[in-house]
Amino acid sequence: MTADKSKKIKARVNRISGQIGGIGKMIDDERYCLEILDQIAAARSALDALGVEILSSHLESCVIGHGTDSQHESARPLTPEQLVEEVRLTLGRFLK
């Protein structure tokens, strides 16, 4: 992952963290339940978007880039069949 992409992802994580903290404050302030649920939905959506970004990066650098100069430095040596299985398992976990 490039430094620029990593910086953008960290900024997203920080925003999501702020959203979660805001939900806790809303609960402390005894805000209307539907307002809290709206914020939970927004945080869930933000987490999904973050997951898609990280999954896309994984596919680019660890799957498509496997065995090339663009391979992520932490990528494990895997056969093509193992790469497909890793993607299948990752999607299974992410889409639950």
PDB file of N, CA and C in Angstrom:
ATOM      1  N   MET A   1       0.858  -1.169   0.000  1.00  0.00           N
ATOM      2  CA  MET A   1       0.000   0.000   0.000  1.00  0.00           C
ATOM      3  C   MET A   1       0.909   1.238   0.000  1.00  0.00           C
ATOM      4  N   THR A   2       0.570   2.186  -0.841  1.00  0.00           N
ATOM      5  CA  THR A   2       1.388   3.394  -0.910  1.00  0.00           C
ATOM      6  C   THR A   2       1.190   4.231   0.346  1.00  0.00           C
ATOM      7  N   ALA A   3       2.140   5.117   0.586  1.00  0.00           N
ATOM      8  CA  ALA A   3       2.051   5.990   1.759  1.00  0.00           C
ATOM      9  C   ALA A   3       0.827   6.889   1.668  1.00  0.00           C
ATOM     10  N   ASP A   4       0.517   7.368   0.456  1.00  0.00           N
ATOM     11  CA  ASP A   4      -0.645   8.230   0.267  1.00  0.00           C
ATOM     12  C   ASP A   4      -1.941   7.483   0.556  1.00  0.00           C
ATOM     13  N   LYS A   5      -2.036   6.246   0.048  1.00  0.00           N
ATOM     14  CA  LYS A   5      -3.234   5.432   0.282  1.00  0.00           C
ATOM     15  C   LYS A   5      -3.364   5.104   1.770  1.00  0.00           C
ATOM     16  N   SER A   6      -2.248   4.789   2.406  1.00  0.00           N
ATOM     17  CA  SER A   6      -2.261   4.491   3.838  1.00  0.00           C
ATOM     18  C   SER A   6      -2.725   5.702   4.643  1.00  0.00           C
ATOM     19  N   LYS A   7      -2.277   6.880   4.253  1.00  0.00           N
ATOM     20  CA  LYS A   7      -2.679   8.113   4.944  1.00  0.00           C
ATOM     21  C   LYS A   7      -4.185   8.335   4.811  1.00  0.00           C
ATOM     22  N   LYS A   8      -4.724   8.109   3.599  1.00  0.00           N
ATOM     23  CA  LYS A   8      -6.161   8.274   3.378  1.00  0.00           C
ATOM     24  C   LYS A   8      -6.967   7.258   4.193  1.00  0.00           C
ATOM     25  N   ILE A   9      -6.481   6.035   4.253  1.00  0.00           N
ATOM     26  CA  ILE A   9      -7.180   4.998   5.023  1.00  0.00           C
ATOM     27  C   ILE A   9      -7.159   5.343   6.506  1.00  0.00           C
ATOM     28  N   LYS A  10      -6.019   5.810   7.007  1.00  0.00           N
ATOM     29  CA  LYS A  10      -5.948   6.198   8.426  1.00  0.00           C
ATOM     30  C   LYS A  10      -6.903   7.347   8.720  1.00  0.00           C
ATOM     31  N   ALA A  11      -7.028   8.299   7.784  1.00  0.00           N
ATOM     32  CA  ALA A  11      -7.969   9.409   7.976  1.00  0.00           C
ATOM     33  C   ALA A  11      -9.402   8.878   8.042  1.00  0.00           C
ATOM     34  N   ARG A  12      -9.721   7.900   7.194  1.00  0.00           N
ATOM     35  CA  ARG A  12     -11.054   7.283   7.245  1.00  0.00           C
ATOM     36  C   ARG A  12     -11.294   6.614   8.586  1.00  0.00           C
ATOM     37  N   VAL A  13     -10.301   5.880   9.061  1.00  0.00           N
ATOM     38  CA  VAL A  13     -10.421   5.193  10.351  1.00  0.00           C
ATOM     39  C   VAL A  13     -10.653   6.216  11.463  1.00  0.00           C
ATOM     40  N   ASN A  14      -9.947   7.321  11.416  1.00  0.00           N
ATOM     41  CA  ASN A  14     -10.126   8.358  12.435  1.00  0.00           C
ATOM     42  C   ASN A  14     -11.536   8.948  12.390  1.00  0.00           C
ATOM     43  N   ARG A  15     -12.075   9.152  11.173  1.00  0.00           N
ATOM     44  CA  ARG A  15     -13.449   9.660  11.061  1.00  0.00           C
ATOM     45  C   ARG A  15     -14.444   8.653  11.629  1.00  0.00           C
ATOM     46  N   ILE A  16     -14.223   7.384  11.315  1.00  0.00           N
ATOM     47  CA  ILE A  16     -15.122   6.336  11.823  1.00  0.00           C
ATOM     48  C   ILE A  16     -15.042   6.274  13.347  1.00  0.00           C
ATOM     49  N   SER A  17     -13.835   6.393  13.864  1.00  0.00           N
ATOM     50  CA  SER A  17     -13.657   6.402  15.318  1.00  0.00           C
ATOM     51  C   SER A  17     -14.437   7.560  15.944  1.00  0.00           C
ATOM     52  N   GLY A  18     -14.397   8.715  15.290  1.00  0.00           N
ATOM     53  CA  GLY A  18     -15.165   9.864  15.772  1.00  0.00           C
ATOM     54  C   GLY A  18     -16.661   9.600  15.730  1.00  0.00           C
ATOM     55  N   GLN A  19     -17.106   8.916  14.661  1.00  0.00           N
ATOM     56  CA  GLN A  19     -18.525   8.568  14.565  1.00  0.00           C
ATOM     57  C   GLN A  19     -18.936   7.651  15.714  1.00  0.00           C
ATOM     58  N   ILE A  20     -18.107   6.672  16.007  1.00  0.00           N
ATOM     59  CA  ILE A  20     -18.414   5.729  17.091  1.00  0.00           C
ATOM     60  C   ILE A  20     -18.452   6.458  18.431  1.00  0.00           C
ATOM     61  N   GLY A  21     -17.478   7.333  18.638  1.00  0.00           N
ATOM     62  CA  GLY A  21     -17.473   8.137  19.867  1.00  0.00           C
ATOM     63  C   GLY A  21     -18.722   9.000  19.968  1.00  0.00           C
ATOM     64  N   GLY A  22     -19.143   9.542  18.814  1.00  0.00           N
ATOM     65  CA  GLY A  22     -20.358  10.358  18.790  1.00  0.00           C
ATOM     66  C   GLY A  22     -21.592   9.546  19.162  1.00  0.00           C
ATOM     67  N   ILE A  23     -21.627   8.305  18.732  1.00  0.00           N
ATOM     68  CA  ILE A  23     -22.754   7.431  19.100  1.00  0.00           C
ATOM     69  C   ILE A  23     -22.773   7.226  20.610  1.00  0.00           C
ATOM     70  N   GLY A  24     -21.608   6.992  21.194  1.00  0.00           N
ATOM     71  CA  GLY A  24     -21.538   6.833  22.654  1.00  0.00           C
ATOM     72  C   GLY A  24     -22.029   8.075  23.374  1.00  0.00           C
ATOM     73  N   LYS A  25     -21.645   9.246  22.870  1.00  0.00           N
ATOM     74  CA  LYS A  25     -22.096  10.502  23.479  1.00  0.00           C
ATOM     75  C   LYS A  25     -23.606  10.668  23.325  1.00  0.00           C
ATOM     76  N   MET A  26     -24.126  10.282  22.159  1.00  0.00           N
ATOM     77  CA  MET A  26     -25.573  10.369  21.948  1.00  0.00           C
ATOM     78  C   MET A  26     -26.316   9.497  22.961  1.00  0.00           C
ATOM     79  N   ILE A  27     -25.777   8.332  23.240  1.00  0.00           N
ATOM     80  CA  ILE A  27     -26.397   7.439  24.228  1.00  0.00           C
ATOM     81  C   ILE A  27     -26.321   8.070  25.610  1.00  0.00           C
ATOM     82  N   ASP A  28     -25.142   8.619  25.949  1.00  0.00           N
ATOM     83  CA  ASP A  28     -24.985   9.298  27.243  1.00  0.00           C
ATOM     84  C   ASP A  28     -25.965  10.459  27.387  1.00  0.00           C
ATOM     85  N   ASP A  29     -26.186  11.171  26.274  1.00  0.00           N
ATOM     86  CA  ASP A  29     -27.088  12.329  26.287  1.00  0.00           C
ATOM     87  C   ASP A  29     -28.557  11.932  26.153  1.00  0.00           C
ATOM     88  N   GLU A  30     -28.813  10.612  26.088  1.00  0.00           N
ATOM     89  CA  GLU A  30     -30.165  10.080  25.963  1.00  0.00           C
ATOM     90  C   GLU A  30     -30.911  10.671  24.767  1.00  0.00           C
ATOM     91  N   ARG A  31     -30.207  10.712  23.630  1.00  0.00           N
ATOM     92  CA  ARG A  31     -30.801  11.220  22.401  1.00  0.00           C
ATOM     93  C   ARG A  31     -31.869  10.252  21.908  1.00  0.00           C
ATOM     94  N   TYR A  32     -32.694  10.729  21.034  1.00  0.00           N
ATOM     95  CA  TYR A  32     -33.800   9.957  20.461  1.00  0.00           C
ATOM     96  C   TYR A  32     -33.235   8.724  19.751  1.00  0.00           C
ATOM     97  N   CYS A  33     -33.855   7.585  19.987  1.00  0.00           N
ATOM     98  CA  CYS A  33     -33.356   6.301  19.474  1.00  0.00           C
ATOM     99  C   CYS A  33     -33.141   6.302  17.968  1.00  0.00           C
ATOM    100  N   LEU A  34     -34.052   6.884  17.220  1.00  0.00           N
ATOM    101  CA  LEU A  34     -33.910   6.882  15.762  1.00  0.00           C
ATOM    102  C   LEU A  34     -32.703   7.686  15.302  1.00  0.00           C
ATOM    103  N   GLU A  35     -32.367   8.740  16.019  1.00  0.00           N
ATOM    104  CA  GLU A  35     -31.167   9.513  15.695  1.00  0.00           C
ATOM    105  C   GLU A  35     -29.913   8.662  15.912  1.00  0.00           C
ATOM    106  N   ILE A  36     -29.917   7.906  16.986  1.00  0.00           N
ATOM    107  CA  ILE A  36     -28.787   7.012  17.279  1.00  0.00           C
ATOM    108  C   ILE A  36     -28.687   5.931  16.214  1.00  0.00           C
ATOM    109  N   LEU A  37     -29.824   5.348  15.852  1.00  0.00           N
ATOM    110  CA  LEU A  37     -29.823   4.314  14.819  1.00  0.00           C
ATOM    111  C   LEU A  37     -29.339   4.855  13.481  1.00  0.00           C
ATOM    112  N   ASP A  38     -29.686   6.100  13.166  1.00  0.00           N
ATOM    113  CA  ASP A  38     -29.189   6.719  11.933  1.00  0.00           C
ATOM    114  C   ASP A  38     -27.663   6.820  11.960  1.00  0.00           C
ATOM    115  N   GLN A  39     -27.119   7.177  13.104  1.00  0.00           N
ATOM    116  CA  GLN A  39     -25.669   7.299  13.222  1.00  0.00           C
ATOM    117  C   GLN A  39     -24.993   5.928  13.158  1.00  0.00           C
ATOM    118  N   ILE A  40     -25.637   4.917  13.714  1.00  0.00           N
ATOM    119  CA  ILE A  40     -25.106   3.553  13.619  1.00  0.00           C
ATOM    120  C   ILE A  40     -25.076   3.116  12.154  1.00  0.00           C
ATOM    121  N   ALA A  41     -26.144   3.416  11.415  1.00  0.00           N
ATOM    122  CA  ALA A  41     -26.188   3.071   9.994  1.00  0.00           C
ATOM    123  C   ALA A  41     -25.082   3.800   9.228  1.00  0.00           C
ATOM    124  N   ALA A  42     -24.851   5.058   9.559  1.00  0.00           N
ATOM    125  CA  ALA A  42     -23.797   5.826   8.892  1.00  0.00           C
ATOM    126  C   ALA A  42     -22.425   5.235   9.202  1.00  0.00           C
ATOM    127  N   ALA A  43     -22.199   4.844  10.448  1.00  0.00           N
ATOM    128  CA  ALA A  43     -20.916   4.240  10.827  1.00  0.00           C
ATOM    129  C   ALA A  43     -20.737   2.893  10.134  1.00  0.00           C
ATOM    130  N   ARG A  44     -21.794   2.124  10.051  1.00  0.00           N
ATOM    131  CA  ARG A  44     -21.734   0.836   9.367  1.00  0.00           C
ATOM    132  C   ARG A  44     -21.384   1.020   7.886  1.00  0.00           C
ATOM    133  N   SER A  45     -22.001   2.015   7.278  1.00  0.00           N
ATOM    134  CA  SER A  45     -21.718   2.324   5.874  1.00  0.00           C
ATOM    135  C   SER A  45     -20.260   2.756   5.693  1.00  0.00           C
ATOM    136  N   ALA A  46     -19.775   3.564   6.610  1.00  0.00           N
ATOM    137  CA  ALA A  46     -18.379   4.012   6.545  1.00  0.00           C
ATOM    138  C   ALA A  46     -17.421   2.840   6.716  1.00  0.00           C
ATOM    139  N   LEU A  47     -17.743   1.914   7.610  1.00  0.00           N
ATOM    140  CA  LEU A  47     -16.913   0.714   7.783  1.00  0.00           C
ATOM    141  C   LEU A  47     -16.922  -0.152   6.535  1.00  0.00           C
ATOM    142  N   ASP A  48     -18.089  -0.284   5.905  1.00  0.00           N
ATOM    143  CA  ASP A  48     -18.176  -1.056   4.664  1.00  0.00           C
ATOM    144  C   ASP A  48     -17.310  -0.432   3.578  1.00  0.00           C
ATOM    145  N   ALA A  49     -17.376   0.891   3.449  1.00  0.00           N
ATOM    146  CA  ALA A  49     -16.567   1.581   2.440  1.00  0.00           C
ATOM    147  C   ALA A  49     -15.076   1.410   2.727  1.00  0.00           C
ATOM    148  N   LEU A  50     -14.704   1.462   3.989  1.00  0.00           N
ATOM    149  CA  LEU A  50     -13.310   1.229   4.379  1.00  0.00           C
ATOM    150  C   LEU A  50     -12.894  -0.192   4.023  1.00  0.00           C
ATOM    151  N   GLY A  51     -13.764  -1.148   4.301  1.00  0.00           N
ATOM    152  CA  GLY A  51     -13.471  -2.541   3.969  1.00  0.00           C
ATOM    153  C   GLY A  51     -13.278  -2.744   2.481  1.00  0.00           C
ATOM    154  N   VAL A  52     -14.121  -2.105   1.674  1.00  0.00           N
ATOM    155  CA  VAL A  52     -13.982  -2.213   0.217  1.00  0.00           C
ATOM    156  C   VAL A  52     -12.644  -1.622  -0.225  1.00  0.00           C
ATOM    157  N   GLU A  53     -12.261  -0.498   0.347  1.00  0.00           N
ATOM    158  CA  GLU A  53     -10.983   0.134   0.001  1.00  0.00           C
ATOM    159  C   GLU A  53      -9.808  -0.785   0.337  1.00  0.00           C
ATOM    160  N   ILE A  54      -9.829  -1.368   1.512  1.00  0.00           N
ATOM    161  CA  ILE A  54      -8.735  -2.262   1.923  1.00  0.00           C
ATOM    162  C   ILE A  54      -8.758  -3.548   1.113  1.00  0.00           C
ATOM    163  N   LEU A  55      -9.941  -4.083   0.843  1.00  0.00           N
ATOM    164  CA  LEU A  55     -10.046  -5.284   0.025  1.00  0.00           C
ATOM    165  C   LEU A  55      -9.526  -5.025  -1.391  1.00  0.00           C
ATOM    166  N   SER A  56      -9.876  -3.876  -1.954  1.00  0.00           N
ATOM    167  CA  SER A  56      -9.380  -3.515  -3.289  1.00  0.00           C
ATOM    168  C   SER A  56      -7.859  -3.422  -3.296  1.00  0.00           C
ATOM    169  N   SER A  57      -7.318  -2.811  -2.264  1.00  0.00           N
ATOM    170  CA  SER A  57      -5.865  -2.690  -2.149  1.00  0.00           C
ATOM    171  C   SER A  57      -5.220  -4.068  -2.049  1.00  0.00           C
ATOM    172  N   HIS A  58      -5.850  -4.950  -1.291  1.00  0.00           N
ATOM    173  CA  HIS A  58      -5.335  -6.316  -1.147  1.00  0.00           C
ATOM    174  C   HIS A  58      -5.336  -7.023  -2.496  1.00  0.00           C
ATOM    175  N   LEU A  59      -6.428  -6.889  -3.233  1.00  0.00           N
ATOM    176  CA  LEU A  59      -6.509  -7.530  -4.543  1.00  0.00           C
ATOM    177  C   LEU A  59      -5.437  -6.991  -5.487  1.00  0.00           C
ATOM    178  N   GLU A  60      -5.224  -5.672  -5.454  1.00  0.00           N
ATOM    179  CA  GLU A  60      -4.215  -5.058  -6.321  1.00  0.00           C
ATOM    180  C   GLU A  60      -2.803  -5.497  -5.966  1.00  0.00           C
ATOM    181  N   SER A  61      -2.461  -5.417  -4.676  1.00  0.00           N
ATOM    182  CA  SER A  61      -1.063  -5.627  -4.292  1.00  0.00           C
ATOM    183  C   SER A  61      -0.722  -7.068  -3.922  1.00  0.00           C
ATOM    184  N   CYS A  62      -1.664  -7.798  -3.401  1.00  0.00           N
ATOM    185  CA  CYS A  62      -1.348  -9.150  -2.919  1.00  0.00           C
ATOM    186  C   CYS A  62      -1.828 -10.257  -3.850  1.00  0.00           C
ATOM    187  N   VAL A  63      -2.869  -9.989  -4.640  1.00  0.00           N
ATOM    188  CA  VAL A  63      -3.392 -11.026  -5.527  1.00  0.00           C
ATOM    189  C   VAL A  63      -2.922 -10.768  -6.955  1.00  0.00           C
ATOM    190  N   ILE A  64      -3.344  -9.642  -7.542  1.00  0.00           N
ATOM    191  CA  ILE A  64      -2.928  -9.333  -8.911  1.00  0.00           C
ATOM    192  C   ILE A  64      -1.427  -9.074  -8.963  1.00  0.00           C
ATOM    193  N   GLY A  65      -0.904  -8.388  -7.959  1.00  0.00           N
ATOM    194  CA  GLY A  65       0.516  -8.070  -7.919  1.00  0.00           C
ATOM    195  C   GLY A  65       1.399  -9.196  -7.426  1.00  0.00           C
ATOM    196  N   HIS A  66       0.803 -10.336  -7.100  1.00  0.00           N
ATOM    197  CA  HIS A  66       1.560 -11.468  -6.561  1.00  0.00           C
ATOM    198  C   HIS A  66       2.690 -11.872  -7.521  1.00  0.00           C
ATOM    199  N   GLY A  67       3.896 -11.901  -6.998  1.00  0.00           N
ATOM    200  CA  GLY A  67       5.049 -12.316  -7.795  1.00  0.00           C
ATOM    201  C   GLY A  67       5.590 -11.242  -8.719  1.00  0.00           C
ATOM    202  N   THR A  68       5.129  -9.985  -8.544  1.00  0.00           N
ATOM    203  CA  THR A  68       5.614  -8.878  -9.367  1.00  0.00           C
ATOM    204  C   THR A  68       6.263  -7.827  -8.476  1.00  0.00           C
ATOM    205  N   ASP A  69       6.734  -6.771  -9.101  1.00  0.00           N
ATOM    206  CA  ASP A  69       7.332  -5.667  -8.341  1.00  0.00           C
ATOM    207  C   ASP A  69       6.313  -4.914  -7.501  1.00  0.00           C
ATOM    208  N   SER A  70       5.027  -5.040  -7.853  1.00  0.00           N
ATOM    209  CA  SER A  70       3.995  -4.316  -7.110  1.00  0.00           C
ATOM    210  C   SER A  70       3.418  -5.135  -5.952  1.00  0.00           C
ATOM    211  N   GLN A  71       3.977  -6.306  -5.694  1.00  0.00           N
ATOM    212  CA  GLN A  71       3.492  -7.164  -4.603  1.00  0.00           C
ATOM    213  C   GLN A  71       3.752  -6.495  -3.264  1.00  0.00           C
ATOM    214  N   HIS A  72       2.791  -6.586  -2.369  1.00  0.00           N
ATOM    215  CA  HIS A  72       2.953  -6.056  -1.009  1.00  0.00           C
ATOM    216  C   HIS A  72       4.090  -6.797  -0.325  1.00  0.00           C
ATOM    217  N   GLU A  73       4.879  -6.058   0.427  1.00  0.00           N
ATOM    218  CA  GLU A  73       6.057  -6.663   1.070  1.00  0.00           C
ATOM    219  C   GLU A  73       5.720  -7.752   2.082  1.00  0.00           C
ATOM    220  N   SER A  74       4.513  -7.732   2.623  1.00  0.00           N
ATOM    221  CA  SER A  74       4.114  -8.741   3.614  1.00  0.00           C
ATOM    222  C   SER A  74       3.351  -9.910   2.995  1.00  0.00           C
ATOM    223  N   ALA A  75       3.151  -9.871   1.677  1.00  0.00           N
ATOM    224  CA  ALA A  75       2.393 -10.941   1.020  1.00  0.00           C
ATOM    225  C   ALA A  75       3.128 -12.269   1.171  1.00  0.00           C
ATOM    226  N   ARG A  76       2.357 -13.290   1.488  1.00  0.00           N
ATOM    227  CA  ARG A  76       2.931 -14.632   1.638  1.00  0.00           C
ATOM    228  C   ARG A  76       3.066 -15.300   0.275  1.00  0.00           C
ATOM    229  N   PRO A  77       4.051 -16.150   0.114  1.00  0.00           N
ATOM    230  CA  PRO A  77       4.161 -16.878  -1.151  1.00  0.00           C
ATOM    231  C   PRO A  77       3.045 -17.926  -1.240  1.00  0.00           C
ATOM    232  N   LEU A  78       2.182 -17.762  -2.237  1.00  0.00           N
ATOM    233  CA  LEU A  78       1.046 -18.664  -2.403  1.00  0.00           C
ATOM    234  C   LEU A  78       0.945 -19.101  -3.860  1.00  0.00           C
ATOM    235  N   THR A  79       0.406 -20.287  -4.057  1.00  0.00           N
ATOM    236  CA  THR A  79       0.122 -20.756  -5.413  1.00  0.00           C
ATOM    237  C   THR A  79      -1.130 -20.028  -5.909  1.00  0.00           C
ATOM    238  N   PRO A  80      -1.390 -20.042  -7.208  1.00  0.00           N
ATOM    239  CA  PRO A  80      -2.632 -19.417  -7.703  1.00  0.00           C
ATOM    240  C   PRO A  80      -3.880 -19.992  -7.030  1.00  0.00           C
ATOM    241  N   GLU A  81      -3.889 -21.287  -6.787  1.00  0.00           N
ATOM    242  CA  GLU A  81      -5.045 -21.904  -6.119  1.00  0.00           C
ATOM    243  C   GLU A  81      -5.191 -21.384  -4.690  1.00  0.00           C
ATOM    244  N   GLN A  82      -4.071 -21.217  -3.999  1.00  0.00           N
ATOM    245  CA  GLN A  82      -4.111 -20.688  -2.637  1.00  0.00           C
ATOM    246  C   GLN A  82      -4.574 -19.231  -2.633  1.00  0.00           C
ATOM    247  N   LEU A  83      -4.165 -18.459  -3.636  1.00  0.00           N
ATOM    248  CA  LEU A  83      -4.616 -17.069  -3.738  1.00  0.00           C
ATOM    249  C   LEU A  83      -6.130 -16.998  -3.915  1.00  0.00           C
ATOM    250  N   VAL A  84      -6.670 -17.845  -4.771  1.00  0.00           N
ATOM    251  CA  VAL A  84      -8.122 -17.868  -4.986  1.00  0.00           C
ATOM    252  C   VAL A  84      -8.830 -18.256  -3.688  1.00  0.00           C
ATOM    253  N   GLU A  85      -8.316 -19.237  -2.988  1.00  0.00           N
ATOM    254  CA  GLU A  85      -8.916 -19.657  -1.717  1.00  0.00           C
ATOM    255  C   GLU A  85      -8.852 -18.535  -0.691  1.00  0.00           C
ATOM    256  N   GLU A  86      -7.728 -17.824  -0.646  1.00  0.00           N
ATOM    257  CA  GLU A  86      -7.600 -16.692   0.282  1.00  0.00           C
ATOM    258  C   GLU A  86      -8.642 -15.624  -0.027  1.00  0.00           C
ATOM    259  N   VAL A  87      -8.820 -15.298  -1.300  1.00  0.00           N
ATOM    260  CA  VAL A  87      -9.830 -14.306  -1.695  1.00  0.00           C
ATOM    261  C   VAL A  87     -11.220 -14.802  -1.319  1.00  0.00           C
ATOM    262  N   ARG A  88     -11.512 -16.071  -1.573  1.00  0.00           N
ATOM    263  CA  ARG A  88     -12.821 -16.640  -1.228  1.00  0.00           C
ATOM    264  C   ARG A  88     -13.096 -16.530   0.268  1.00  0.00           C
ATOM    265  N   LEU A  89     -12.115 -16.893   1.082  1.00  0.00           N
ATOM    266  CA  LEU A  89     -12.281 -16.815   2.535  1.00  0.00           C
ATOM    267  C   LEU A  89     -12.433 -15.367   3.005  1.00  0.00           C
ATOM    268  N   THR A  90     -11.633 -14.488   2.425  1.00  0.00           N
ATOM    269  CA  THR A  90     -11.690 -13.075   2.810  1.00  0.00           C
ATOM    270  C   THR A  90     -13.044 -12.474   2.467  1.00  0.00           C
ATOM    271  N   LEU A  91     -13.547 -12.749   1.267  1.00  0.00           N
ATOM    272  CA  LEU A  91     -14.867 -12.250   0.893  1.00  0.00           C
ATOM    273  C   LEU A  91     -15.948 -12.837   1.789  1.00  0.00           C
ATOM    274  N   GLY A  92     -15.826 -14.101   2.119  1.00  0.00           N
ATOM    275  CA  GLY A  92     -16.793 -14.739   3.010  1.00  0.00           C
ATOM    276  C   GLY A  92     -16.861 -14.058   4.366  1.00  0.00           C
ATOM    277  N   ARG A  93     -15.700 -13.709   4.909  1.00  0.00           N
ATOM    278  CA  ARG A  93     -15.658 -13.034   6.202  1.00  0.00           C
ATOM    279  C   ARG A  93     -16.187 -11.601   6.086  1.00  0.00           C
ATOM    280  N   PHE A  94     -15.778 -10.920   5.017  1.00  0.00           N
ATOM    281  CA  PHE A  94     -16.151  -9.510   4.848  1.00  0.00           C
ATOM    282  C   PHE A  94     -17.641  -9.337   4.600  1.00  0.00           C
ATOM    283  N   LEU A  95     -18.252 -10.259   3.890  1.00  0.00           N
ATOM    284  CA  LEU A  95     -19.658 -10.104   3.513  1.00  0.00           C
ATOM    285  C   LEU A  95     -20.638 -10.619   4.556  1.00  0.00           C
ATOM    286  N   LYS A  96     -20.167 -11.126   5.674  1.00  0.00           N
ATOM    287  CA  LYS A  96     -21.072 -11.608   6.740  1.00  0.00           C
ATOM    288  C   LYS A  96     -21.807 -10.464   7.379  1.00  0.00           C
TER     289      LYS A  96
END
